[in-house]
Amino acid sequence: MRTGFPSQSGSDIERKGALQVYASALGRFPEWVIERACRDAIEGRIGKGQFAPSAAEMATHCEGIVRQAREEMGAIERILSARVYHEPTDEERRKVVDGFERLSRDLAAALEMEEAGKPRLEPMTLEQVTERAGTLAAGLRLSEETRRRLGLMEQEGA
């Protein structure tokens, strides 16, 4: 790598000493990291790109490459270990819509009884509610308690 940069010529002993310093600084990194760092140095992405980077600059750059790889591995691991939710079938969606419509009617009737002097509330379909809320019915995730109250728990086991 160093031969690709202009430098003062040195003796064989100086070159061997420099090689030992680089080997000592970079020996803890995998070969692919060192290869990438060398390519980055040759392409001018380390320091100002005019001179060969020092062993310390190369080690710092290698640490950045390793950090970036670890972050990417972490992101991949989070994706691979993410909980996969069951996509509801059309039948399950229909049960939710039916249950919601029953709940909406029951709530409207209960409110009507409690507040006789107030304007009448009309039952709404799940589609109307989700349209107003700006969500999709398929994206709703109902808790077990809500599914039980809507009568969906018994139907799921059947």
N, C-alpha and C. Protein backbone atom coordinates (compact mmCIF):
# COMPACT_ATOMS: atom_id res chain seq x y z
N MET A 1 0.83 -1.19 0.00
CA MET A 1 0.00 0.00 0.00
C MET A 1 0.88 1.25 0.00
N ARG A 2 1.91 1.26 0.83
CA ARG A 2 2.73 2.46 0.96
C ARG A 2 3.44 2.81 -0.34
N THR A 3 3.67 1.84 -1.22
CA THR A 3 4.36 2.15 -2.48
C THR A 3 3.49 2.99 -3.40
N GLY A 4 2.21 3.06 -3.14
CA GLY A 4 1.32 3.89 -3.96
C GLY A 4 1.35 5.36 -3.58
N PHE A 5 2.10 5.74 -2.57
CA PHE A 5 2.17 7.12 -2.11
C PHE A 5 3.59 7.65 -2.25
N PRO A 6 3.70 8.93 -2.54
CA PRO A 6 5.05 9.51 -2.61
C PRO A 6 5.66 9.55 -1.21
N SER A 7 6.89 9.14 -1.10
CA SER A 7 7.55 9.19 0.20
C SER A 7 9.05 9.25 0.00
N GLN A 8 9.72 9.55 1.08
CA GLN A 8 11.17 9.54 1.02
C GLN A 8 11.61 8.09 1.03
N SER A 9 12.60 7.79 0.22
CA SER A 9 13.06 6.41 0.21
C SER A 9 13.78 6.13 1.50
N GLY A 10 13.59 4.92 1.99
CA GLY A 10 14.23 4.54 3.24
C GLY A 10 14.98 3.24 3.03
N SER A 11 15.74 2.90 4.01
CA SER A 11 16.51 1.67 3.93
C SER A 11 15.62 0.46 4.17
N ASP A 12 16.15 -0.72 3.91
CA ASP A 12 15.40 -1.95 4.16
C ASP A 12 15.03 -2.07 5.63
N ILE A 13 15.91 -1.67 6.49
CA ILE A 13 15.65 -1.74 7.94
C ILE A 13 14.50 -0.83 8.31
N GLU A 14 14.44 0.37 7.74
CA GLU A 14 13.34 1.30 8.03
C GLU A 14 12.02 0.75 7.51
N ARG A 15 12.05 0.17 6.31
CA ARG A 15 10.82 -0.40 5.73
C ARG A 15 10.34 -1.58 6.58
N LYS A 16 11.26 -2.45 7.02
CA LYS A 16 10.88 -3.59 7.86
C LYS A 16 10.34 -3.10 9.20
N GLY A 17 10.93 -2.06 9.76
CA GLY A 17 10.44 -1.50 11.02
C GLY A 17 9.03 -0.94 10.85
N ALA A 18 8.82 -0.23 9.74
CA ALA A 18 7.48 0.33 9.47
C ALA A 18 6.47 -0.80 9.30
N LEU A 19 6.85 -1.86 8.61
CA LEU A 19 5.97 -3.00 8.40
C LEU A 19 5.61 -3.64 9.74
N GLN A 20 6.57 -3.73 10.65
CA GLN A 20 6.30 -4.30 11.97
C GLN A 20 5.32 -3.42 12.77
N VAL A 21 5.47 -2.11 12.64
CA VAL A 21 4.55 -1.20 13.33
C VAL A 21 3.13 -1.37 12.79
N TYR A 22 3.00 -1.45 11.46
CA TYR A 22 1.67 -1.65 10.86
C TYR A 22 1.10 -3.00 11.28
N ALA A 23 1.93 -4.05 11.25
CA ALA A 23 1.47 -5.39 11.63
C ALA A 23 1.01 -5.40 13.08
N SER A 24 1.72 -4.71 13.94
CA SER A 24 1.36 -4.64 15.35
C SER A 24 0.03 -3.90 15.53
N ALA A 25 -0.15 -2.80 14.81
CA ALA A 25 -1.37 -1.99 14.95
C ALA A 25 -2.58 -2.66 14.32
N LEU A 26 -2.37 -3.43 13.26
CA LEU A 26 -3.51 -3.98 12.51
C LEU A 26 -3.73 -5.47 12.73
N GLY A 27 -2.85 -6.12 13.46
CA GLY A 27 -2.91 -7.57 13.63
C GLY A 27 -4.18 -8.08 14.27
N ARG A 28 -4.89 -7.26 14.99
CA ARG A 28 -6.12 -7.69 15.68
C ARG A 28 -7.34 -7.68 14.76
N PHE A 29 -7.19 -7.15 13.55
CA PHE A 29 -8.34 -7.04 12.65
C PHE A 29 -8.36 -8.19 11.65
N PRO A 30 -9.55 -8.60 11.23
CA PRO A 30 -9.65 -9.63 10.19
C PRO A 30 -9.08 -9.11 8.86
N GLU A 31 -8.70 -10.05 8.05
CA GLU A 31 -8.06 -9.70 6.77
C GLU A 31 -8.95 -8.81 5.90
N TRP A 32 -10.25 -9.11 5.86
CA TRP A 32 -11.15 -8.33 5.00
C TRP A 32 -11.20 -6.87 5.43
N VAL A 33 -11.07 -6.61 6.73
CA VAL A 33 -11.09 -5.23 7.24
C VAL A 33 -9.83 -4.50 6.79
N ILE A 34 -8.69 -5.18 6.91
CA ILE A 34 -7.41 -4.57 6.50
C ILE A 34 -7.40 -4.30 5.00
N GLU A 35 -7.92 -5.26 4.22
CA GLU A 35 -7.99 -5.07 2.76
C GLU A 35 -8.84 -3.84 2.42
N ARG A 36 -9.98 -3.72 3.08
CA ARG A 36 -10.85 -2.56 2.81
C ARG A 36 -10.18 -1.26 3.22
N ALA A 37 -9.50 -1.27 4.36
CA ALA A 37 -8.80 -0.06 4.82
C ALA A 37 -7.69 0.31 3.84
N CYS A 38 -6.96 -0.67 3.34
CA CYS A 38 -5.90 -0.39 2.36
C CYS A 38 -6.50 0.21 1.08
N ARG A 39 -7.62 -0.37 0.64
CA ARG A 39 -8.29 0.17 -0.57
C ARG A 39 -8.75 1.61 -0.31
N ASP A 40 -9.30 1.86 0.87
CA ASP A 40 -9.73 3.22 1.22
C ASP A 40 -8.55 4.18 1.23
N ALA A 41 -7.41 3.72 1.75
CA ALA A 41 -6.22 4.58 1.80
C ALA A 41 -5.72 4.89 0.39
N ILE A 42 -5.67 3.88 -0.45
CA ILE A 42 -5.19 4.07 -1.83
C ILE A 42 -6.12 5.01 -2.59
N GLU A 43 -7.41 4.93 -2.29
CA GLU A 43 -8.39 5.78 -2.97
C GLU A 43 -8.55 7.15 -2.29
N GLY A 44 -7.72 7.43 -1.30
CA GLY A 44 -7.69 8.75 -0.69
C GLY A 44 -8.75 9.03 0.34
N ARG A 45 -9.34 7.99 0.93
CA ARG A 45 -10.42 8.20 1.89
C ARG A 45 -9.94 8.19 3.34
N ILE A 46 -8.63 8.16 3.55
CA ILE A 46 -8.09 8.23 4.91
C ILE A 46 -7.16 9.44 4.95
N GLY A 47 -7.35 10.28 5.93
CA GLY A 47 -6.54 11.49 6.02
C GLY A 47 -6.84 12.40 4.84
N LYS A 48 -5.82 13.10 4.38
CA LYS A 48 -6.00 14.00 3.23
C LYS A 48 -5.78 13.29 1.91
N GLY A 49 -5.36 12.04 1.96
CA GLY A 49 -5.19 11.26 0.74
C GLY A 49 -3.92 11.54 -0.02
N GLN A 50 -3.04 12.37 0.51
CA GLN A 50 -1.80 12.72 -0.19
C GLN A 50 -0.64 11.84 0.26
N PHE A 51 -0.70 11.37 1.49
CA PHE A 51 0.38 10.57 2.04
C PHE A 51 -0.19 9.28 2.60
N ALA A 52 0.68 8.29 2.71
CA ALA A 52 0.25 7.03 3.31
C ALA A 52 -0.16 7.29 4.75
N PRO A 53 -1.29 6.71 5.17
CA PRO A 53 -1.73 6.92 6.54
C PRO A 53 -0.79 6.22 7.52
N SER A 54 -0.69 6.75 8.70
CA SER A 54 0.14 6.13 9.73
C SER A 54 -0.53 4.85 10.20
N ALA A 55 0.20 4.05 10.94
CA ALA A 55 -0.37 2.82 11.50
C ALA A 55 -1.55 3.15 12.41
N ALA A 56 -1.44 4.22 13.18
CA ALA A 56 -2.53 4.62 14.07
C ALA A 56 -3.77 5.05 13.27
N GLU A 57 -3.56 5.78 12.17
CA GLU A 57 -4.71 6.19 11.33
C GLU A 57 -5.37 4.97 10.71
N MET A 58 -4.56 4.01 10.28
CA MET A 58 -5.11 2.78 9.70
C MET A 58 -5.91 2.01 10.75
N ALA A 59 -5.38 1.91 11.97
CA ALA A 59 -6.08 1.19 13.04
C ALA A 59 -7.41 1.88 13.36
N THR A 60 -7.40 3.19 13.43
CA THR A 60 -8.63 3.94 13.70
C THR A 60 -9.65 3.70 12.59
N HIS A 61 -9.18 3.71 11.35
CA HIS A 61 -10.07 3.48 10.21
C HIS A 61 -10.63 2.04 10.27
N CYS A 62 -9.78 1.08 10.60
CA CYS A 62 -10.23 -0.31 10.73
C CYS A 62 -11.29 -0.44 11.82
N GLU A 63 -11.11 0.25 12.93
CA GLU A 63 -12.11 0.23 14.00
C GLU A 63 -13.45 0.75 13.51
N GLY A 64 -13.40 1.79 12.67
CA GLY A 64 -14.64 2.31 12.09
C GLY A 64 -15.32 1.30 11.18
N ILE A 65 -14.54 0.58 10.41
CA ILE A 65 -15.09 -0.45 9.52
C ILE A 65 -15.75 -1.55 10.35
N VAL A 66 -15.07 -1.98 11.41
CA VAL A 66 -15.62 -3.02 12.29
C VAL A 66 -16.89 -2.52 12.98
N ARG A 67 -16.89 -1.29 13.46
CA ARG A 67 -18.07 -0.71 14.14
C ARG A 67 -19.26 -0.68 13.18
N GLN A 68 -18.99 -0.27 11.95
CA GLN A 68 -20.06 -0.21 10.95
C GLN A 68 -20.61 -1.62 10.67
N ALA A 69 -19.74 -2.60 10.58
CA ALA A 69 -20.17 -3.98 10.34
C ALA A 69 -20.98 -4.50 11.52
N ARG A 70 -20.56 -4.20 12.74
CA ARG A 70 -21.31 -4.64 13.92
C ARG A 70 -22.69 -3.99 13.97
N GLU A 71 -22.77 -2.72 13.63
CA GLU A 71 -24.07 -2.04 13.61
C GLU A 71 -25.00 -2.68 12.58
N GLU A 72 -24.44 -3.01 11.42
CA GLU A 72 -25.24 -3.66 10.38
C GLU A 72 -25.67 -5.05 10.83
N MET A 73 -24.76 -5.79 11.47
CA MET A 73 -25.11 -7.12 11.98
C MET A 73 -26.21 -7.01 13.03
N GLY A 74 -26.15 -5.98 13.88
CA GLY A 74 -27.19 -5.77 14.88
C GLY A 74 -28.53 -5.49 14.24
N ALA A 75 -28.52 -4.67 13.19
CA ALA A 75 -29.77 -4.35 12.49
C ALA A 75 -30.35 -5.60 11.84
N ILE A 76 -29.48 -6.41 11.24
CA ILE A 76 -29.94 -7.65 10.61
C ILE A 76 -30.50 -8.59 11.66
N GLU A 77 -29.81 -8.71 12.79
CA GLU A 77 -30.27 -9.57 13.88
C GLU A 77 -31.64 -9.12 14.39
N ARG A 78 -31.83 -7.80 14.54
CA ARG A 78 -33.13 -7.30 15.00
C ARG A 78 -34.23 -7.65 14.00
N ILE A 79 -33.92 -7.57 12.72
CA ILE A 79 -34.91 -7.92 11.70
C ILE A 79 -35.22 -9.41 11.74
N LEU A 80 -34.18 -10.23 11.82
CA LEU A 80 -34.38 -11.67 11.81
C LEU A 80 -35.07 -12.18 13.07
N SER A 81 -34.89 -11.49 14.18
CA SER A 81 -35.51 -11.94 15.43
C SER A 81 -36.82 -11.22 15.72
N ALA A 82 -37.27 -10.38 14.80
CA ALA A 82 -38.52 -9.64 15.02
C ALA A 82 -39.70 -10.60 15.07
N ARG A 83 -40.65 -10.25 15.89
CA ARG A 83 -41.85 -11.07 16.01
C ARG A 83 -42.68 -10.92 14.74
N VAL A 84 -43.06 -12.04 14.17
CA VAL A 84 -43.86 -12.04 12.95
C VAL A 84 -45.32 -12.21 13.36
N TYR A 85 -46.12 -11.26 13.00
CA TYR A 85 -47.53 -11.30 13.36
C TYR A 85 -48.32 -12.09 12.33
N HIS A 86 -49.33 -12.73 12.82
CA HIS A 86 -50.24 -13.49 11.96
C HIS A 86 -51.04 -12.51 11.11
N GLU A 87 -51.06 -12.73 9.82
CA GLU A 87 -51.87 -11.90 8.92
C GLU A 87 -53.28 -12.47 8.93
N PRO A 88 -54.28 -11.67 9.32
CA PRO A 88 -55.64 -12.20 9.44
C PRO A 88 -56.21 -12.63 8.08
N THR A 89 -57.00 -13.69 8.14
CA THR A 89 -57.68 -14.17 6.94
C THR A 89 -58.91 -13.30 6.70
N ASP A 90 -59.53 -13.46 5.55
CA ASP A 90 -60.76 -12.72 5.25
C ASP A 90 -61.85 -13.08 6.26
N GLU A 91 -61.92 -14.35 6.66
CA GLU A 91 -62.92 -14.79 7.63
C GLU A 91 -62.69 -14.11 8.99
N GLU A 92 -61.43 -14.03 9.41
CA GLU A 92 -61.12 -13.36 10.68
C GLU A 92 -61.46 -11.88 10.61
N ARG A 93 -61.18 -11.26 9.48
CA ARG A 93 -61.53 -9.84 9.32
C ARG A 93 -63.04 -9.64 9.39
N ARG A 94 -63.79 -10.56 8.75
CA ARG A 94 -65.25 -10.47 8.77
C ARG A 94 -65.77 -10.59 10.20
N LYS A 95 -65.18 -11.51 10.99
CA LYS A 95 -65.60 -11.67 12.39
C LYS A 95 -65.34 -10.39 13.19
N VAL A 96 -64.20 -9.76 12.94
CA VAL A 96 -63.88 -8.52 13.64
C VAL A 96 -64.88 -7.43 13.25
N VAL A 97 -65.17 -7.32 11.96
CA VAL A 97 -66.13 -6.31 11.49
C VAL A 97 -67.50 -6.55 12.11
N ASP A 98 -67.95 -7.81 12.09
CA ASP A 98 -69.26 -8.13 12.68
C ASP A 98 -69.28 -7.81 14.17
N GLY A 99 -68.23 -8.20 14.88
CA GLY A 99 -68.16 -7.93 16.32
C GLY A 99 -68.12 -6.44 16.61
N PHE A 100 -67.39 -5.72 15.79
CA PHE A 100 -67.31 -4.27 15.99
C PHE A 100 -68.67 -3.62 15.75
N GLU A 101 -69.37 -4.07 14.73
CA GLU A 101 -70.68 -3.49 14.45
C GLU A 101 -71.64 -3.75 15.62
N ARG A 102 -71.58 -4.97 16.21
CA ARG A 102 -72.42 -5.26 17.39
C ARG A 102 -72.03 -4.34 18.55
N LEU A 103 -70.74 -4.20 18.79
CA LEU A 103 -70.26 -3.33 19.86
C LEU A 103 -70.70 -1.89 19.64
N SER A 104 -70.60 -1.41 18.40
CA SER A 104 -70.98 -0.05 18.08
C SER A 104 -72.46 0.17 18.34
N ARG A 105 -73.29 -0.78 17.94
CA ARG A 105 -74.74 -0.67 18.19
C ARG A 105 -75.03 -0.66 19.69
N ASP A 106 -74.35 -1.57 20.42
CA ASP A 106 -74.57 -1.66 21.87
C ASP A 106 -74.14 -0.38 22.57
N LEU A 107 -73.01 0.17 22.18
CA LEU A 107 -72.53 1.42 22.79
C LEU A 107 -73.47 2.57 22.49
N ALA A 108 -73.90 2.65 21.24
CA ALA A 108 -74.82 3.73 20.86
C ALA A 108 -76.12 3.62 21.65
N ALA A 109 -76.62 2.39 21.83
CA ALA A 109 -77.87 2.20 22.58
C ALA A 109 -77.66 2.56 24.04
N ALA A 110 -76.52 2.16 24.62
CA ALA A 110 -76.25 2.46 26.03
C ALA A 110 -76.11 3.96 26.23
N LEU A 111 -75.45 4.64 25.35
CA LEU A 111 -75.30 6.08 25.48
C LEU A 111 -76.64 6.79 25.31
N GLU A 112 -77.46 6.25 24.45
CA GLU A 112 -78.78 6.83 24.21
C GLU A 112 -79.62 6.75 25.48
N MET A 113 -79.53 5.63 26.19
CA MET A 113 -80.29 5.45 27.42
C MET A 113 -79.77 6.37 28.52
N GLU A 114 -78.45 6.50 28.63
CA GLU A 114 -77.86 7.32 29.69
C GLU A 114 -78.05 8.80 29.46
N GLU A 115 -78.07 9.20 28.22
CA GLU A 115 -78.10 10.63 27.90
C GLU A 115 -79.27 10.94 26.97
N ALA A 116 -80.45 10.76 27.48
CA ALA A 116 -81.66 10.90 26.66
C ALA A 116 -81.79 12.27 26.02
N GLY A 117 -81.31 13.33 26.66
CA GLY A 117 -81.49 14.67 26.13
C GLY A 117 -80.44 15.07 25.10
N LYS A 118 -79.44 14.25 24.87
CA LYS A 118 -78.34 14.61 23.95
C LYS A 118 -78.63 14.05 22.56
N PRO A 119 -77.94 14.58 21.53
CA PRO A 119 -78.17 14.07 20.17
C PRO A 119 -77.92 12.56 20.08
N ARG A 120 -78.70 11.92 19.25
CA ARG A 120 -78.61 10.47 19.08
C ARG A 120 -77.31 10.11 18.35
N LEU A 121 -76.62 9.08 18.87
CA LEU A 121 -75.41 8.58 18.22
C LEU A 121 -75.78 7.41 17.33
N GLU A 122 -75.34 7.46 16.12
CA GLU A 122 -75.62 6.38 15.19
C GLU A 122 -74.50 5.35 15.24
N PRO A 123 -74.83 4.07 15.19
CA PRO A 123 -73.78 3.04 15.14
C PRO A 123 -72.92 3.25 13.89
N MET A 124 -71.66 2.92 14.01
CA MET A 124 -70.73 3.06 12.88
C MET A 124 -70.17 1.70 12.52
N THR A 125 -69.89 1.52 11.27
CA THR A 125 -69.22 0.28 10.85
C THR A 125 -67.73 0.42 11.14
N LEU A 126 -67.04 -0.70 11.20
CA LEU A 126 -65.60 -0.68 11.41
C LEU A 126 -64.92 0.09 10.27
N GLU A 127 -65.45 -0.05 9.09
CA GLU A 127 -64.88 0.68 7.94
C GLU A 127 -64.99 2.19 8.14
N GLN A 128 -66.14 2.65 8.63
CA GLN A 128 -66.31 4.08 8.88
C GLN A 128 -65.36 4.58 9.96
N VAL A 129 -65.21 3.79 11.01
CA VAL A 129 -64.32 4.20 12.10
C VAL A 129 -62.88 4.25 11.63
N THR A 130 -62.46 3.21 10.92
CA THR A 130 -61.06 3.18 10.46
C THR A 130 -60.81 4.27 9.43
N GLU A 131 -61.81 4.59 8.64
CA GLU A 131 -61.65 5.68 7.68
C GLU A 131 -61.45 7.00 8.41
N ARG A 132 -62.25 7.21 9.45
CA ARG A 132 -62.10 8.44 10.23
C ARG A 132 -60.77 8.48 10.98
N ALA A 133 -60.33 7.33 11.45
CA ALA A 133 -59.08 7.27 12.21
C ALA A 133 -57.87 7.26 11.29
N GLY A 134 -58.09 7.03 10.02
CA GLY A 134 -56.97 7.02 9.06
C GLY A 134 -56.15 5.75 9.13
N THR A 135 -56.76 4.64 9.55
CA THR A 135 -56.05 3.37 9.60
C THR A 135 -56.78 2.35 8.74
N LEU A 136 -56.14 1.24 8.49
CA LEU A 136 -56.76 0.15 7.74
C LEU A 136 -57.29 -0.89 8.71
N ALA A 137 -58.43 -1.45 8.42
CA ALA A 137 -59.02 -2.46 9.30
C ALA A 137 -58.07 -3.64 9.47
N ALA A 138 -57.36 -4.00 8.43
CA ALA A 138 -56.43 -5.13 8.52
C ALA A 138 -55.28 -4.85 9.47
N GLY A 139 -54.99 -3.60 9.71
CA GLY A 139 -53.87 -3.25 10.57
C GLY A 139 -54.23 -3.19 12.05
N LEU A 140 -55.52 -3.33 12.37
CA LEU A 140 -55.92 -3.26 13.77
C LEU A 140 -55.49 -4.52 14.49
N ARG A 141 -54.93 -4.35 15.66
CA ARG A 141 -54.54 -5.48 16.51
C ARG A 141 -55.37 -5.38 17.78
N LEU A 142 -56.31 -6.30 17.95
CA LEU A 142 -57.18 -6.26 19.10
C LEU A 142 -56.58 -7.10 20.22
N SER A 143 -56.69 -6.61 21.43
CA SER A 143 -56.20 -7.36 22.59
C SER A 143 -57.09 -8.58 22.81
N GLU A 144 -56.59 -9.53 23.60
CA GLU A 144 -57.38 -10.71 23.93
C GLU A 144 -58.67 -10.32 24.62
N GLU A 145 -58.58 -9.34 25.52
CA GLU A 145 -59.76 -8.89 26.26
C GLU A 145 -60.82 -8.34 25.30
N THR A 146 -60.39 -7.52 24.34
CA THR A 146 -61.33 -6.95 23.37
C THR A 146 -61.93 -8.05 22.49
N ARG A 147 -61.09 -9.00 22.04
CA ARG A 147 -61.60 -10.10 21.22
C ARG A 147 -62.59 -10.94 22.01
N ARG A 148 -62.33 -11.15 23.31
CA ARG A 148 -63.25 -11.91 24.16
C ARG A 148 -64.58 -11.16 24.26
N ARG A 149 -64.52 -9.85 24.50
CA ARG A 149 -65.74 -9.06 24.63
C ARG A 149 -66.55 -9.03 23.34
N LEU A 150 -65.84 -9.11 22.20
CA LEU A 150 -66.54 -9.11 20.91
C LEU A 150 -67.04 -10.49 20.52
N GLY A 151 -66.74 -11.47 21.36
CA GLY A 151 -67.18 -12.83 21.07
C GLY A 151 -66.34 -13.52 20.03
N LEU A 152 -65.13 -13.06 19.82
CA LEU A 152 -64.26 -13.66 18.81
C LEU A 152 -63.43 -14.80 19.35
N MET A 153 -63.22 -14.87 20.65
CA MET A 153 -62.37 -15.90 21.25
C MET A 153 -62.98 -17.28 21.05
N GLU A 154 -64.30 -17.43 21.29
CA GLU A 154 -64.94 -18.72 21.14
C GLU A 154 -64.92 -19.17 19.67
N GLN A 155 -65.09 -18.20 18.76
CA GLN A 155 -65.13 -18.51 17.34
C GLN A 155 -63.76 -18.91 16.82
N GLU A 156 -62.68 -18.36 17.40
CA GLU A 156 -61.34 -18.69 16.93
C GLU A 156 -61.00 -20.14 17.23
N GLY A 157 -61.42 -20.64 18.39
CA GLY A 157 -61.10 -22.00 18.76
C GLY A 157 -61.91 -23.04 17.98
N ALA A 158 -63.02 -22.61 17.40
CA ALA A 158 -63.91 -23.56 16.69
C ALA A 158 -63.36 -23.96 15.36
